Amino acid sequence: MNSTVKNGVIYTEREGTIGSVILNRAEKRNAMSEAMWAAIPAAVAELDADPQVRVIILTSNGQGAFSAGADIAELQVIATDPERRESNRKAIRDAQ
């Protein structure tokens, strides 16, 4: 198994023809932060560039929850800052 860390909040793994993008904030039930959204495109591109990877799975490293949804504490901060609102919106859009 080959693993690559992306800024601590997500990482990728490869096992045979399967590539995984893994959410890595179990302590927050993998609540999606702007950093997580921003890291997804590069992680997917990295796996997509590997000719052996045939499928990419989005999963989490924690038990009990794939993702709790948005990081509400971070959203409260983002709501008061127009630049952060825009960068968060862009990160989410780019990850789709």
C-alpha atoms as a PDB file:
ATOM      1  CA  MET A   1       0.000   0.000   0.000  1.00  0.00           C
ATOM      2  CA  ASN A   2       1.265   3.448  -0.981  1.00  0.00           C
ATOM      3  CA  SER A   3       0.119   6.529   0.992  1.00  0.00           C
ATOM      4  CA  THR A   4       0.541  10.280   0.460  1.00  0.00           C
ATOM      5  CA  VAL A   5      -0.457  12.914   3.055  1.00  0.00           C
ATOM      6  CA  LYS A   6      -2.177  16.113   1.873  1.00  0.00           C
ATOM      7  CA  ASN A   7      -1.846  18.867   4.489  1.00  0.00           C
ATOM      8  CA  GLY A   8      -2.847  16.545   7.345  1.00  0.00           C
ATOM      9  CA  VAL A   9      -6.592  16.696   6.728  1.00  0.00           C
ATOM     10  CA  ILE A  10      -6.790  14.197   3.897  1.00  0.00           C
ATOM     11  CA  TYR A  11      -4.451  11.613   2.445  1.00  0.00           C
ATOM     12  CA  THR A  12      -4.374   9.211  -0.461  1.00  0.00           C
ATOM     13  CA  GLU A  13      -3.692   5.502  -0.572  1.00  0.00           C
ATOM     14  CA  ARG A  14      -3.210   3.071  -3.423  1.00  0.00           C
ATOM     15  CA  GLU A  15      -3.732  -0.650  -3.249  1.00  0.00           C
ATOM     16  CA  GLY A  16      -3.532  -2.356  -6.608  1.00  0.00           C
ATOM     17  CA  THR A  17      -5.945  -0.644  -8.974  1.00  0.00           C
ATOM     18  CA  ILE A  18      -7.875   1.097  -6.178  1.00  0.00           C
ATOM     19  CA  GLY A  19      -7.025   4.644  -5.128  1.00  0.00           C
ATOM     20  CA  SER A  20      -8.570   6.186  -2.029  1.00  0.00           C
ATOM     21  CA  VAL A  21      -8.940   9.785  -0.884  1.00  0.00           C
ATOM     22  CA  ILE A  22      -9.276   9.533   2.884  1.00  0.00           C
ATOM     23  CA  LEU A  23     -10.773  12.203   5.144  1.00  0.00           C
ATOM     24  CA  ASN A  24      -8.485  12.535   8.167  1.00  0.00           C
ATOM     25  CA  ARG A  25     -10.213  14.485  10.949  1.00  0.00           C
ATOM     26  CA  ALA A  26     -11.704  11.693  13.046  1.00  0.00           C
ATOM     27  CA  GLU A  27     -11.560  13.902  16.159  1.00  0.00           C
ATOM     28  CA  LYS A  28     -14.088  16.222  14.412  1.00  0.00           C
ATOM     29  CA  ARG A  29     -16.052  13.340  12.847  1.00  0.00           C
ATOM     30  CA  ASN A  30     -14.455  14.392   9.551  1.00  0.00           C
ATOM     31  CA  ALA A  31     -16.367  17.676   9.473  1.00  0.00           C
ATOM     32  CA  MET A  32     -15.359  19.317   6.198  1.00  0.00           C
ATOM     33  CA  SER A  33     -13.103  22.340   6.591  1.00  0.00           C
ATOM     34  CA  GLU A  34     -12.005  24.670   3.817  1.00  0.00           C
ATOM     35  CA  ALA A  35      -8.564  23.013   3.911  1.00  0.00           C
ATOM     36  CA  MET A  36     -10.168  19.624   3.275  1.00  0.00           C
ATOM     37  CA  TRP A  37     -12.206  20.905   0.332  1.00  0.00           C
ATOM     38  CA  ALA A  38      -9.094  22.606  -1.066  1.00  0.00           C
ATOM     39  CA  ALA A  39      -6.997  19.415  -0.807  1.00  0.00           C
ATOM     40  CA  ILE A  40      -9.445  17.136  -2.641  1.00  0.00           C
ATOM     41  CA  PRO A  41      -8.733  18.252  -6.250  1.00  0.00           C
ATOM     42  CA  ALA A  42      -4.972  17.658  -5.918  1.00  0.00           C
ATOM     43  CA  ALA A  43      -5.530  14.283  -4.264  1.00  0.00           C
ATOM     44  CA  VAL A  44      -7.910  13.158  -7.013  1.00  0.00           C
ATOM     45  CA  ALA A  45      -5.545  14.467  -9.717  1.00  0.00           C
ATOM     46  CA  GLU A  46      -2.647  12.574  -8.149  1.00  0.00           C
ATOM     47  CA  LEU A  47      -4.592   9.308  -8.189  1.00  0.00           C
ATOM     48  CA  ASP A  48      -5.982   9.991 -11.655  1.00  0.00           C
ATOM     49  CA  ALA A  49      -2.444  10.457 -12.999  1.00  0.00           C
ATOM     50  CA  ASP A  50      -1.439   6.980 -11.795  1.00  0.00           C
ATOM     51  CA  PRO A  51      -2.021   4.627 -14.761  1.00  0.00           C
ATOM     52  CA  GLN A  52      -2.549   1.660 -12.431  1.00  0.00           C
ATOM     53  CA  VAL A  53      -5.442   3.283 -10.535  1.00  0.00           C
ATOM     54  CA  ARG A  54      -8.775   2.321 -12.115  1.00  0.00           C
ATOM     55  CA  VAL A  55     -11.187   3.549  -9.445  1.00  0.00           C
ATOM     56  CA  ILE A  56     -11.043   6.317  -6.820  1.00  0.00           C
ATOM     57  CA  ILE A  57     -12.957   5.958  -3.560  1.00  0.00           C
ATOM     58  CA  LEU A  58     -13.696   8.807  -1.136  1.00  0.00           C
ATOM     59  CA  THR A  59     -13.733   7.429   2.399  1.00  0.00           C
ATOM     60  CA  SER A  60     -12.822   8.344   5.986  1.00  0.00           C
ATOM     61  CA  ASN A  61     -10.329   7.109   8.537  1.00  0.00           C
ATOM     62  CA  GLY A  62     -12.737   7.127  11.469  1.00  0.00           C
ATOM     63  CA  GLN A  63     -15.299   4.726  12.778  1.00  0.00           C
ATOM     64  CA  GLY A  64     -18.947   5.692  13.051  1.00  0.00           C
ATOM     65  CA  ALA A  65     -19.185   8.608  10.627  1.00  0.00           C
ATOM     66  CA  PHE A  66     -18.084   9.207   7.071  1.00  0.00           C
ATOM     67  CA  SER A  67     -18.384  12.971   7.548  1.00  0.00           C
ATOM     68  CA  ALA A  68     -20.428  15.075   9.912  1.00  0.00           C
ATOM     69  CA  GLY A  69     -20.880  17.654   7.128  1.00  0.00           C
ATOM     70  CA  ALA A  70     -19.547  21.183   7.305  1.00  0.00           C
ATOM     71  CA  ASP A  71     -17.244  22.313  10.110  1.00  0.00           C
ATOM     72  CA  ILE A  72     -19.761  24.578  11.859  1.00  0.00           C
ATOM     73  CA  ALA A  73     -17.124  26.309  14.021  1.00  0.00           C
ATOM     74  CA  GLU A  74     -15.188  27.269  10.909  1.00  0.00           C
ATOM     75  CA  LEU A  75     -18.365  28.382   9.108  1.00  0.00           C
ATOM     76  CA  GLN A  76     -19.091  30.825  11.944  1.00  0.00           C
ATOM     77  CA  VAL A  77     -15.708  32.474  11.300  1.00  0.00           C
ATOM     78  CA  ILE A  78     -16.143  32.366   7.514  1.00  0.00           C
ATOM     79  CA  ALA A  79     -19.567  34.015   7.778  1.00  0.00           C
ATOM     80  CA  THR A  80     -18.003  37.216   9.125  1.00  0.00           C
ATOM     81  CA  ASP A  81     -15.312  37.540   6.446  1.00  0.00           C
ATOM     82  CA  PRO A  82     -16.281  38.127   2.781  1.00  0.00           C
ATOM     83  CA  GLU A  83     -12.865  36.968   1.500  1.00  0.00           C
ATOM     84  CA  ARG A  84     -13.091  33.720   3.480  1.00  0.00           C
ATOM     85  CA  ARG A  85     -16.662  33.165   2.260  1.00  0.00           C
ATOM     86  CA  GLU A  86     -15.434  33.439  -1.320  1.00  0.00           C
ATOM     87  CA  SER A  87     -12.379  31.218  -0.809  1.00  0.00           C
ATOM     88  CA  ASN A  88     -14.536  28.585   0.944  1.00  0.00           C
ATOM     89  CA  ARG A  89     -17.116  28.697  -1.854  1.00  0.00           C
ATOM     90  CA  LYS A  90     -14.344  28.306  -4.444  1.00  0.00           C
ATOM     91  CA  ALA A  91     -12.741  25.393  -2.571  1.00  0.00           C
ATOM     92  CA  ILE A  92     -16.080  23.551  -2.437  1.00  0.00           C
ATOM     93  CA  ARG A  93     -16.815  24.262  -6.104  1.00  0.00           C
ATOM     94  CA  ASP A  94     -13.350  23.099  -7.186  1.00  0.00           C
ATOM     95  CA  ALA A  95     -13.712  19.840  -5.254  1.00  0.00           C
ATOM     96  CA  GLN A  96     -16.882  18.823  -7.084  1.00  0.00           C
END
